[in-house]
PDB file of all heavy atoms in Angstrom:
ATOM      1  N   THR A   1      21.685 -73.879-242.181  1.00  0.00           N
ATOM      2  CA  THR A   1      22.088 -75.173-241.770  1.00  0.00           C
ATOM      3  C   THR A   1      21.822 -75.524-240.263  1.00  0.00           C
ATOM      4  O   THR A   1      21.731 -76.691-239.876  1.00  0.00           O
ATOM      5  CB  THR A   1      23.603 -75.429-242.020  1.00  0.00           C
ATOM      6  OG1 THR A   1      24.336 -74.422-241.306  1.00  0.00           O
ATOM      7  CG2 THR A   1      23.921 -75.283-243.506  1.00  0.00           C
ATOM      8  N   THR A   2      21.672 -74.514-239.515  1.00  0.00           N
ATOM      9  CA  THR A   2      21.465 -74.670-238.005  1.00  0.00           C
ATOM     10  C   THR A   2      20.055 -74.313-237.621  1.00  0.00           C
ATOM     11  O   THR A   2      19.326 -75.099-237.137  1.00  0.00           O
ATOM     12  CB  THR A   2      22.445 -73.859-237.216  1.00  0.00           C
ATOM     13  OG1 THR A   2      23.804 -74.193-237.681  1.00  0.00           O
ATOM     14  CG2 THR A   2      22.311 -74.121-235.804  1.00  0.00           C
ATOM     15  N   ILE A   3      19.675 -72.993-237.800  1.00  0.00           N
ATOM     16  CA  ILE A   3      18.354 -72.600-237.318  1.00  0.00           C
ATOM     17  C   ILE A   3      17.247 -73.277-238.100  1.00  0.00           C
ATOM     18  O   ILE A   3      16.338 -73.895-237.522  1.00  0.00           O
ATOM     19  CB  ILE A   3      18.214 -71.094-237.514  1.00  0.00           C
ATOM     20  CG1 ILE A   3      19.295 -70.289-236.721  1.00  0.00           C
ATOM     21  CG2 ILE A   3      16.864 -70.609-237.007  1.00  0.00           C
ATOM     22  CD1 ILE A   3      19.217 -70.501-235.280  1.00  0.00           C
ATOM     23  N   MET A   4      17.330 -73.258-239.416  1.00  0.00           N
ATOM     24  CA  MET A   4      16.177 -73.757-240.172  1.00  0.00           C
ATOM     25  C   MET A   4      16.125 -75.324-240.209  1.00  0.00           C
ATOM     26  O   MET A   4      15.064 -75.933-240.046  1.00  0.00           O
ATOM     27  CB  MET A   4      16.278 -73.282-241.637  1.00  0.00           C
ATOM     28  CG  MET A   4      16.023 -71.780-241.766  1.00  0.00           C
ATOM     29  SD  MET A   4      16.358 -71.131-243.483  1.00  0.00           S
ATOM     30  CE  MET A   4      14.980 -72.000-244.258  1.00  0.00           C
ATOM     31  N   ALA A   5      17.311 -75.942-240.423  1.00  0.00           N
ATOM     32  CA  ALA A   5      17.324 -77.401-240.601  1.00  0.00           C
ATOM     33  C   ALA A   5      17.423 -78.177-239.331  1.00  0.00           C
ATOM     34  O   ALA A   5      16.908 -79.328-239.264  1.00  0.00           O
ATOM     35  CB  ALA A   5      18.535 -77.767-241.506  1.00  0.00           C
ATOM     36  N   GLY A   6      18.018 -77.633-238.271  1.00  0.00           N
ATOM     37  CA  GLY A   6      18.287 -78.419-237.082  1.00  0.00           C
ATOM     38  C   GLY A   6      17.673 -77.889-235.861  1.00  0.00           C
ATOM     39  O   GLY A   6      16.853 -78.479-235.121  1.00  0.00           O
ATOM     40  N   PHE A   7      18.002 -76.631-235.477  1.00  0.00           N
ATOM     41  CA  PHE A   7      17.717 -76.132-234.148  1.00  0.00           C
ATOM     42  C   PHE A   7      16.267 -75.838-233.957  1.00  0.00           C
ATOM     43  O   PHE A   7      15.593 -76.267-232.975  1.00  0.00           O
ATOM     44  CB  PHE A   7      18.530 -74.824-233.922  1.00  0.00           C
ATOM     45  CG  PHE A   7      18.075 -74.090-232.657  1.00  0.00           C
ATOM     46  CD1 PHE A   7      18.330 -74.516-231.410  1.00  0.00           C
ATOM     47  CD2 PHE A   7      17.383 -72.963-232.816  1.00  0.00           C
ATOM     48  CE1 PHE A   7      17.937 -73.862-230.321  1.00  0.00           C
ATOM     49  CE2 PHE A   7      16.895 -72.168-231.707  1.00  0.00           C
ATOM     50  CZ  PHE A   7      17.213 -72.674-230.430  1.00  0.00           C
ATOM     51  N   PHE A   8      15.644 -74.990-234.855  1.00  0.00           N
ATOM     52  CA  PHE A   8      14.307 -74.497-234.543  1.00  0.00           C
ATOM     53  C   PHE A   8      13.171 -75.537-234.469  1.00  0.00           C
ATOM     54  O   PHE A   8      12.359 -75.470-233.567  1.00  0.00           O
ATOM     55  CB  PHE A   8      13.867 -73.397-235.445  1.00  0.00           C
ATOM     56  CG  PHE A   8      12.596 -72.746-235.067  1.00  0.00           C
ATOM     57  CD1 PHE A   8      12.554 -71.794-234.042  1.00  0.00           C
ATOM     58  CD2 PHE A   8      11.377 -73.124-235.664  1.00  0.00           C
ATOM     59  CE1 PHE A   8      11.383 -71.220-233.572  1.00  0.00           C
ATOM     60  CE2 PHE A   8      10.168 -72.530-235.215  1.00  0.00           C
ATOM     61  CZ  PHE A   8      10.187 -71.579-234.226  1.00  0.00           C
ATOM     62  N   PRO A   9      13.193 -76.524-235.386  1.00  0.00           N
ATOM     63  CA  PRO A   9      12.192 -77.585-235.314  1.00  0.00           C
ATOM     64  C   PRO A   9      12.159 -78.292-233.933  1.00  0.00           C
ATOM     65  O   PRO A   9      11.098 -78.534-233.363  1.00  0.00           O
ATOM     66  CB  PRO A   9      12.481 -78.574-236.422  1.00  0.00           C
ATOM     67  CG  PRO A   9      13.148 -77.695-237.448  1.00  0.00           C
ATOM     68  CD  PRO A   9      13.992 -76.707-236.658  1.00  0.00           C
ATOM     69  N   VAL A  10      13.362 -78.598-233.392  1.00  0.00           N
ATOM     70  CA  VAL A  10      13.415 -79.182-232.080  1.00  0.00           C
ATOM     71  C   VAL A  10      13.097 -78.158-230.971  1.00  0.00           C
ATOM     72  O   VAL A  10      12.359 -78.496-230.052  1.00  0.00           O
ATOM     73  CB  VAL A  10      14.918 -79.713-231.878  1.00  0.00           C
ATOM     74  CG1 VAL A  10      14.972 -80.328-230.460  1.00  0.00           C
ATOM     75  CG2 VAL A  10      15.220 -80.769-232.892  1.00  0.00           C
ATOM     76  N   PHE A  11      13.553 -76.963-231.085  1.00  0.00           N
ATOM     77  CA  PHE A  11      13.253 -75.952-230.171  1.00  0.00           C
ATOM     78  C   PHE A  11      11.714 -75.631-230.085  1.00  0.00           C
ATOM     79  O   PHE A  11      11.136 -75.552-228.909  1.00  0.00           O
ATOM     80  CB  PHE A  11      14.005 -74.665-230.484  1.00  0.00           C
ATOM     81  CG  PHE A  11      13.803 -73.515-229.526  1.00  0.00           C
ATOM     82  CD1 PHE A  11      14.175 -73.562-228.222  1.00  0.00           C
ATOM     83  CD2 PHE A  11      13.216 -72.312-230.043  1.00  0.00           C
ATOM     84  CE1 PHE A  11      13.943 -72.499-227.383  1.00  0.00           C
ATOM     85  CE2 PHE A  11      13.007 -71.243-229.185  1.00  0.00           C
ATOM     86  CZ  PHE A  11      13.353 -71.336-227.890  1.00  0.00           C
ATOM     87  N   TYR A  12      11.126 -75.565-231.184  1.00  0.00           N
ATOM     88  CA  TYR A  12       9.652 -75.320-231.220  1.00  0.00           C
ATOM     89  C   TYR A  12       8.882 -76.490-230.617  1.00  0.00           C
ATOM     90  O   TYR A  12       7.889 -76.255-229.943  1.00  0.00           O
ATOM     91  CB  TYR A  12       9.251 -75.136-232.671  1.00  0.00           C
ATOM     92  CG  TYR A  12       7.706 -74.976-232.876  1.00  0.00           C
ATOM     93  CD1 TYR A  12       7.042 -73.961-232.259  1.00  0.00           C
ATOM     94  CD2 TYR A  12       7.028 -75.959-233.648  1.00  0.00           C
ATOM     95  CE1 TYR A  12       5.687 -73.818-232.442  1.00  0.00           C
ATOM     96  CE2 TYR A  12       5.675 -75.832-233.778  1.00  0.00           C
ATOM     97  CZ  TYR A  12       4.993 -74.797-233.214  1.00  0.00           C
ATOM     98  OH  TYR A  12       3.607 -74.674-233.379  1.00  0.00           O
ATOM     99  N   GLY A  13       9.315 -77.691-230.889  1.00  0.00           N
ATOM    100  CA  GLY A  13       8.712 -78.850-230.268  1.00  0.00           C
ATOM    101  C   GLY A  13       8.745 -78.766-228.728  1.00  0.00           C
ATOM    102  O   GLY A  13       7.739 -79.116-228.104  1.00  0.00           O
ATOM    103  N   THR A  14       9.891 -78.286-228.174  1.00  0.00           N
ATOM    104  CA  THR A  14       9.967 -78.124-226.768  1.00  0.00           C
ATOM    105  C   THR A  14       9.070 -77.027-226.203  1.00  0.00           C
ATOM    106  O   THR A  14       8.446 -77.202-225.121  1.00  0.00           O
ATOM    107  CB  THR A  14      11.425 -77.787-226.402  1.00  0.00           C
ATOM    108  OG1 THR A  14      12.327 -78.804-226.855  1.00  0.00           O
ATOM    109  CG2 THR A  14      11.606 -77.664-224.839  1.00  0.00           C
ATOM    110  N   LEU A  15       8.979 -75.967-227.015  1.00  0.00           N
ATOM    111  CA  LEU A  15       8.104 -74.852-226.551  1.00  0.00           C
ATOM    112  C   LEU A  15       6.583 -75.155-226.528  1.00  0.00           C
ATOM    113  O   LEU A  15       5.865 -74.686-225.678  1.00  0.00           O
ATOM    114  CB  LEU A  15       8.288 -73.640-227.480  1.00  0.00           C
ATOM    115  CG  LEU A  15       9.613 -72.914-227.529  1.00  0.00           C
ATOM    116  CD1 LEU A  15       9.600 -71.876-228.578  1.00  0.00           C
ATOM    117  CD2 LEU A  15       9.914 -72.316-226.151  1.00  0.00           C
ATOM    118  N   SER A  16       6.181 -75.994-227.502  1.00  0.00           N
ATOM    119  CA  SER A  16       4.713 -76.283-227.659  1.00  0.00           C
ATOM    120  C   SER A  16       4.219 -77.546-227.105  1.00  0.00           C
ATOM    121  O   SER A  16       3.031 -77.790-227.089  1.00  0.00           O
ATOM    122  CB  SER A  16       4.409 -76.130-229.151  1.00  0.00           C
ATOM    123  OG  SER A  16       5.121 -77.151-229.935  1.00  0.00           O
ATOM    124  N   LYS A  17       5.134 -78.523-226.665  1.00  0.00           N
ATOM    125  CA  LYS A  17       4.680 -79.860-226.366  1.00  0.00           C
ATOM    126  C   LYS A  17       3.714 -79.948-225.305  1.00  0.00           C
ATOM    127  O   LYS A  17       2.843 -80.813-225.271  1.00  0.00           O
ATOM    128  CB  LYS A  17       5.920 -80.735-226.077  1.00  0.00           C
ATOM    129  CG  LYS A  17       6.652 -80.341-224.777  1.00  0.00           C
ATOM    130  CD  LYS A  17       7.762 -81.327-224.556  1.00  0.00           C
ATOM    131  CE  LYS A  17       8.571 -81.039-223.254  1.00  0.00           C
ATOM    132  NZ  LYS A  17       9.605 -81.933-222.986  1.00  0.00           N
ATOM    133  N   ASP A  18       3.722 -79.036-224.257  1.00  0.00           N
ATOM    134  CA  ASP A  18       2.834 -79.109-223.132  1.00  0.00           C
ATOM    135  C   ASP A  18       1.650 -78.108-223.322  1.00  0.00           C
ATOM    136  O   ASP A  18       0.835 -77.985-222.454  1.00  0.00           O
ATOM    137  CB  ASP A  18       3.529 -78.745-221.811  1.00  0.00           C
ATOM    138  CG  ASP A  18       4.589 -79.833-221.517  1.00  0.00           C
ATOM    139  OD1 ASP A  18       4.330 -81.007-221.833  1.00  0.00           O
ATOM    140  OD2 ASP A  18       5.619 -79.491-220.876  1.00  0.00           O
ATOM    141  N   HIS A  19       1.553 -77.467-224.459  1.00  0.00           N
ATOM    142  CA  HIS A  19       0.540 -76.405-224.656  1.00  0.00           C
ATOM    143  C   HIS A  19      -0.314 -76.626-225.922  1.00  0.00           C
ATOM    144  O   HIS A  19      -1.366 -76.041-226.025  1.00  0.00           O
ATOM    145  CB  HIS A  19       1.223 -75.033-224.680  1.00  0.00           C
ATOM    146  CG  HIS A  19       2.029 -74.724-223.481  1.00  0.00           C
ATOM    147  ND1 HIS A  19       1.486 -74.184-222.304  1.00  0.00           N
ATOM    148  CD2 HIS A  19       3.340 -74.940-223.215  1.00  0.00           C
ATOM    149  CE1 HIS A  19       2.464 -74.049-221.429  1.00  0.00           C
ATOM    150  NE2 HIS A  19       3.586 -74.463-221.921  1.00  0.00           N
ATOM    151  N   LEU A  20       0.206 -77.374-226.816  1.00  0.00           N
ATOM    152  CA  LEU A  20      -0.495 -77.617-228.082  1.00  0.00           C
ATOM    153  C   LEU A  20      -0.461 -79.127-228.384  1.00  0.00           C
ATOM    154  O   LEU A  20       0.491 -79.780-228.069  1.00  0.00           O
ATOM    155  CB  LEU A  20       0.157 -76.889-229.305  1.00  0.00           C
ATOM    156  CG  LEU A  20       0.013 -75.290-229.278  1.00  0.00           C
ATOM    157  CD1 LEU A  20       0.836 -74.808-230.422  1.00  0.00           C
ATOM    158  CD2 LEU A  20      -1.404 -74.888-229.344  1.00  0.00           C
ATOM    159  N   SER A  21      -1.548 -79.608-229.010  1.00  0.00           N
ATOM    160  CA  SER A  21      -1.461 -80.990-229.504  1.00  0.00           C
ATOM    161  C   SER A  21      -0.534 -81.072-230.658  1.00  0.00           C
ATOM    162  O   SER A  21      -0.089 -80.017-231.248  1.00  0.00           O
ATOM    163  CB  SER A  21      -2.849 -81.381-229.995  1.00  0.00           C
ATOM    164  OG  SER A  21      -3.227 -80.659-231.121  1.00  0.00           O
ATOM    165  N   LYS A  22      -0.111 -82.275-231.058  1.00  0.00           N
ATOM    166  CA  LYS A  22       0.837 -82.441-232.052  1.00  0.00           C
ATOM    167  C   LYS A  22       0.354 -81.875-233.401  1.00  0.00           C
ATOM    168  O   LYS A  22       0.964 -81.234-234.160  1.00  0.00           O
ATOM    169  CB  LYS A  22       1.188 -83.962-232.254  1.00  0.00           C
ATOM    170  CG  LYS A  22       2.213 -84.215-233.278  1.00  0.00           C
ATOM    171  CD  LYS A  22       2.657 -85.662-233.296  1.00  0.00           C
ATOM    172  CE  LYS A  22       3.782 -85.923-234.307  1.00  0.00           C
ATOM    173  NZ  LYS A  22       4.184 -87.364-234.302  1.00  0.00           N
ATOM    174  N   ALA A  23      -1.014 -82.163-233.667  1.00  0.00           N
ATOM    175  CA  ALA A  23      -1.600 -81.566-234.901  1.00  0.00           C
ATOM    176  C   ALA A  23      -1.637 -80.071-234.848  1.00  0.00           C
ATOM    177  O   ALA A  23      -1.296 -79.465-235.895  1.00  0.00           O
ATOM    178  CB  ALA A  23      -3.056 -82.195-235.002  1.00  0.00           C
ATOM    179  N   ASP A  24      -1.994 -79.456-233.770  1.00  0.00           N
ATOM    180  CA  ASP A  24      -2.070 -77.971-233.672  1.00  0.00           C
ATOM    181  C   ASP A  24      -0.653 -77.386-233.790  1.00  0.00           C
ATOM    182  O   ASP A  24      -0.419 -76.343-234.428  1.00  0.00           O
ATOM    183  CB  ASP A  24      -2.729 -77.496-232.356  1.00  0.00           C
ATOM    184  CG  ASP A  24      -4.193 -77.732-232.373  1.00  0.00           C
ATOM    185  OD1 ASP A  24      -4.782 -77.896-233.449  1.00  0.00           O
ATOM    186  OD2 ASP A  24      -4.795 -77.760-231.271  1.00  0.00           O
ATOM    187  N   SER A  25       0.232 -77.992-233.177  1.00  0.00           N
ATOM    188  CA  SER A  25       1.656 -77.568-233.265  1.00  0.00           C
ATOM    189  C   SER A  25       2.150 -77.546-234.675  1.00  0.00           C
ATOM    190  O   SER A  25       2.712 -76.578-235.151  1.00  0.00           O
ATOM    191  CB  SER A  25       2.604 -78.445-232.447  1.00  0.00           C
ATOM    192  OG  SER A  25       3.953 -78.110-232.540  1.00  0.00           O
ATOM    193  N   GLN A  26       1.891 -78.650-235.447  1.00  0.00           N
ATOM    194  CA  GLN A  26       2.270 -78.678-236.812  1.00  0.00           C
ATOM    195  C   GLN A  26       1.550 -77.655-237.681  1.00  0.00           C
ATOM    196  O   GLN A  26       2.077 -77.045-238.565  1.00  0.00           O
ATOM    197  CB  GLN A  26       2.028 -80.107-237.407  1.00  0.00           C
ATOM    198  CG  GLN A  26       2.642 -80.329-238.773  1.00  0.00           C
ATOM    199  CD  GLN A  26       4.087 -80.233-238.792  1.00  0.00           C
ATOM    200  OE1 GLN A  26       4.868 -80.755-238.041  1.00  0.00           O
ATOM    201  NE2 GLN A  26       4.602 -79.402-239.777  1.00  0.00           N
ATOM    202  N   PHE A  27       0.272 -77.472-237.327  1.00  0.00           N
ATOM    203  CA  PHE A  27      -0.595 -76.561-238.082  1.00  0.00           C
ATOM    204  C   PHE A  27      -0.030 -75.135-238.020  1.00  0.00           C
ATOM    205  O   PHE A  27       0.195 -74.467-239.061  1.00  0.00           O
ATOM    206  CB  PHE A  27      -1.967 -76.595-237.579  1.00  0.00           C
ATOM    207  CG  PHE A  27      -2.867 -75.384-238.109  1.00  0.00           C
ATOM    208  CD1 PHE A  27      -3.383 -75.507-239.424  1.00  0.00           C
ATOM    209  CD2 PHE A  27      -3.116 -74.319-237.393  1.00  0.00           C
ATOM    210  CE1 PHE A  27      -4.202 -74.481-239.911  1.00  0.00           C
ATOM    211  CE2 PHE A  27      -3.900 -73.247-237.842  1.00  0.00           C
ATOM    212  CZ  PHE A  27      -4.405 -73.411-239.170  1.00  0.00           C
ATOM    213  N   TRP A  28       0.338 -74.637-236.780  1.00  0.00           N
ATOM    214  CA  TRP A  28       0.857 -73.303-236.610  1.00  0.00           C
ATOM    215  C   TRP A  28       2.270 -73.171-237.132  1.00  0.00           C
ATOM    216  O   TRP A  28       2.586 -72.049-237.702  1.00  0.00           O
ATOM    217  CB  TRP A  28       0.791 -72.875-235.147  1.00  0.00           C
ATOM    218  CG  TRP A  28      -0.611 -72.649-234.729  1.00  0.00           C
ATOM    219  CD1 TRP A  28      -1.306 -73.365-233.812  1.00  0.00           C
ATOM    220  CD2 TRP A  28      -1.542 -71.558-235.145  1.00  0.00           C
ATOM    221  NE1 TRP A  28      -2.563 -72.840-233.642  1.00  0.00           N
ATOM    222  CE2 TRP A  28      -2.731 -71.699-234.468  1.00  0.00           C
ATOM    223  CE3 TRP A  28      -1.357 -70.522-236.016  1.00  0.00           C
ATOM    224  CZ2 TRP A  28      -3.787 -70.876-234.693  1.00  0.00           C
ATOM    225  CZ3 TRP A  28      -2.397 -69.658-236.207  1.00  0.00           C
ATOM    226  CH2 TRP A  28      -3.560 -69.814-235.554  1.00  0.00           C
ATOM    227  N   PHE A  29       2.999 -74.201-237.149  1.00  0.00           N
ATOM    228  CA  PHE A  29       4.330 -74.175-237.714  1.00  0.00           C
ATOM    229  C   PHE A  29       4.206 -73.975-239.286  1.00  0.00           C
ATOM    230  O   PHE A  29       4.882 -73.180-239.867  1.00  0.00           O
ATOM    231  CB  PHE A  29       5.096 -75.484-237.427  1.00  0.00           C
ATOM    232  CG  PHE A  29       6.492 -75.479-238.007  1.00  0.00           C
ATOM    233  CD1 PHE A  29       7.476 -74.695-237.408  1.00  0.00           C
ATOM    234  CD2 PHE A  29       6.877 -76.297-239.049  1.00  0.00           C
ATOM    235  CE1 PHE A  29       8.814 -74.714-237.869  1.00  0.00           C
ATOM    236  CE2 PHE A  29       8.131 -76.296-239.508  1.00  0.00           C
ATOM    237  CZ  PHE A  29       9.125 -75.531-238.937  1.00  0.00           C
ATOM    238  N   ASN A  30       3.222 -74.720-239.885  1.00  0.00           N
ATOM    239  CA  ASN A  30       2.984 -74.622-241.368  1.00  0.00           C
ATOM    240  C   ASN A  30       2.483 -73.250-241.715  1.00  0.00           C
ATOM    241  O   ASN A  30       2.803 -72.699-242.777  1.00  0.00           O
ATOM    242  CB  ASN A  30       2.105 -75.716-241.803  1.00  0.00           C
ATOM    243  CG  ASN A  30       2.653 -77.063-241.765  1.00  0.00           C
ATOM    244  OD1 ASN A  30       3.884 -77.238-241.642  1.00  0.00           O
ATOM    245  ND2 ASN A  30       1.821 -78.139-241.735  1.00  0.00           N
ATOM    246  N   VAL A  31       1.623 -72.759-240.867  1.00  0.00           N
ATOM    247  CA  VAL A  31       1.071 -71.324-241.111  1.00  0.00           C
ATOM    248  C   VAL A  31       2.170 -70.322-241.124  1.00  0.00           C
ATOM    249  O   VAL A  31       2.199 -69.401-241.929  1.00  0.00           O
ATOM    250  CB  VAL A  31      -0.033 -70.967-240.058  1.00  0.00           C
ATOM    251  CG1 VAL A  31      -0.325 -69.523-240.082  1.00  0.00           C
ATOM    252  CG2 VAL A  31      -1.245 -71.788-240.193  1.00  0.00           C
ATOM    253  N   THR A  32       3.113 -70.482-240.168  1.00  0.00           N
ATOM    254  CA  THR A  32       4.259 -69.522-240.128  1.00  0.00           C
ATOM    255  C   THR A  32       5.116 -69.627-241.398  1.00  0.00           C
ATOM    256  O   THR A  32       5.523 -68.592-241.913  1.00  0.00           O
ATOM    257  CB  THR A  32       5.142 -69.849-238.872  1.00  0.00           C
ATOM    258  OG1 THR A  32       4.322 -69.732-237.736  1.00  0.00           O
ATOM    259  CG2 THR A  32       6.301 -68.894-238.825  1.00  0.00           C
ATOM    260  N   LEU A  33       5.403 -70.859-241.806  1.00  0.00           N
ATOM    261  CA  LEU A  33       6.152 -70.988-243.040  1.00  0.00           C
ATOM    262  C   LEU A  33       5.448 -70.494-244.235  1.00  0.00           C
ATOM    263  O   LEU A  33       6.088 -69.887-245.114  1.00  0.00           O
ATOM    264  CB  LEU A  33       6.409 -72.536-243.262  1.00  0.00           C
ATOM    265  CG  LEU A  33       7.349 -73.278-242.262  1.00  0.00           C
ATOM    266  CD1 LEU A  33       7.471 -74.734-242.635  1.00  0.00           C
ATOM    267  CD2 LEU A  33       8.718 -72.578-242.219  1.00  0.00           C
ATOM    268  N   LEU A  34       4.136 -70.680-244.279  1.00  0.00           N
ATOM    269  CA  LEU A  34       3.329 -70.163-245.403  1.00  0.00           C
ATOM    270  C   LEU A  34       3.407 -68.630-245.388  1.00  0.00           C
ATOM    271  O   LEU A  34       3.576 -68.033-246.444  1.00  0.00           O
ATOM    272  CB  LEU A  34       1.871 -70.595-245.331  1.00  0.00           C
ATOM    273  CG  LEU A  34       0.912 -70.080-246.298  1.00  0.00           C
ATOM    274  CD1 LEU A  34       1.324 -70.461-247.731  1.00  0.00           C
ATOM    275  CD2 LEU A  34      -0.505 -70.579-246.018  1.00  0.00           C
ATOM    276  N   ALA A  35       3.198 -67.972-244.242  1.00  0.00           N
ATOM    277  CA  ALA A  35       3.211 -66.539-244.174  1.00  0.00           C
ATOM    278  C   ALA A  35       4.545 -65.968-244.593  1.00  0.00           C
ATOM    279  O   ALA A  35       4.596 -65.006-245.357  1.00  0.00           O
ATOM    280  CB  ALA A  35       2.870 -66.109-242.733  1.00  0.00           C
ATOM    281  N   ALA A  36       5.599 -66.626-244.160  1.00  0.00           N
ATOM    282  CA  ALA A  36       6.970 -66.182-244.479  1.00  0.00           C
ATOM    283  C   ALA A  36       7.200 -66.300-246.003  1.00  0.00           C
ATOM    284  O   ALA A  36       7.780 -65.399-246.627  1.00  0.00           O
ATOM    285  CB  ALA A  36       8.043 -66.919-243.693  1.00  0.00           C
ATOM    286  N   SER A  37       6.747 -67.478-246.493  1.00  0.00           N
ATOM    287  CA  SER A  37       6.915 -67.727-248.008  1.00  0.00           C
ATOM    288  C   SER A  37       6.149 -66.710-248.824  1.00  0.00           C
ATOM    289  O   SER A  37       6.602 -66.289-249.834  1.00  0.00           O
ATOM    290  CB  SER A  37       6.427 -69.111-248.314  1.00  0.00           C
ATOM    291  OG  SER A  37       7.269 -70.108-247.670  1.00  0.00           O
ATOM    292  N   LEU A  38       4.899 -66.396-248.360  1.00  0.00           N
ATOM    293  CA  LEU A  38       4.124 -65.399-249.072  1.00  0.00           C
ATOM    294  C   LEU A  38       4.749 -63.992-249.081  1.00  0.00           C
ATOM    295  O   LEU A  38       4.812 -63.350-250.169  1.00  0.00           O
ATOM    296  CB  LEU A  38       2.693 -65.301-248.501  1.00  0.00           C
ATOM    297  CG  LEU A  38       1.805 -66.450-248.685  1.00  0.00           C
ATOM    298  CD1 LEU A  38       0.458 -66.309-247.961  1.00  0.00           C
ATOM    299  CD2 LEU A  38       1.495 -66.610-250.246  1.00  0.00           C
ATOM    300  N   VAL A  39       5.317 -63.597-247.961  1.00  0.00           N
ATOM    301  CA  VAL A  39       5.991 -62.330-247.890  1.00  0.00           C
ATOM    302  C   VAL A  39       7.184 -62.309-248.820  1.00  0.00           C
ATOM    303  O   VAL A  39       7.431 -61.304-249.559  1.00  0.00           O
ATOM    304  CB  VAL A  39       6.457 -62.014-246.416  1.00  0.00           C
ATOM    305  CG1 VAL A  39       7.357 -60.794-246.366  1.00  0.00           C
ATOM    306  CG2 VAL A  39       5.271 -61.843-245.515  1.00  0.00           C
TER     307      VAL A  39
END
């Protein structure tokens, strides 16, 4: 309810906003979710 649904998406946006484009940021986030889901 906190890490997955609320905190991390916002936190990750803060971490990557000055270093990745919006498209790249979403791409790597999706890759992480895919990798975790596969495991």
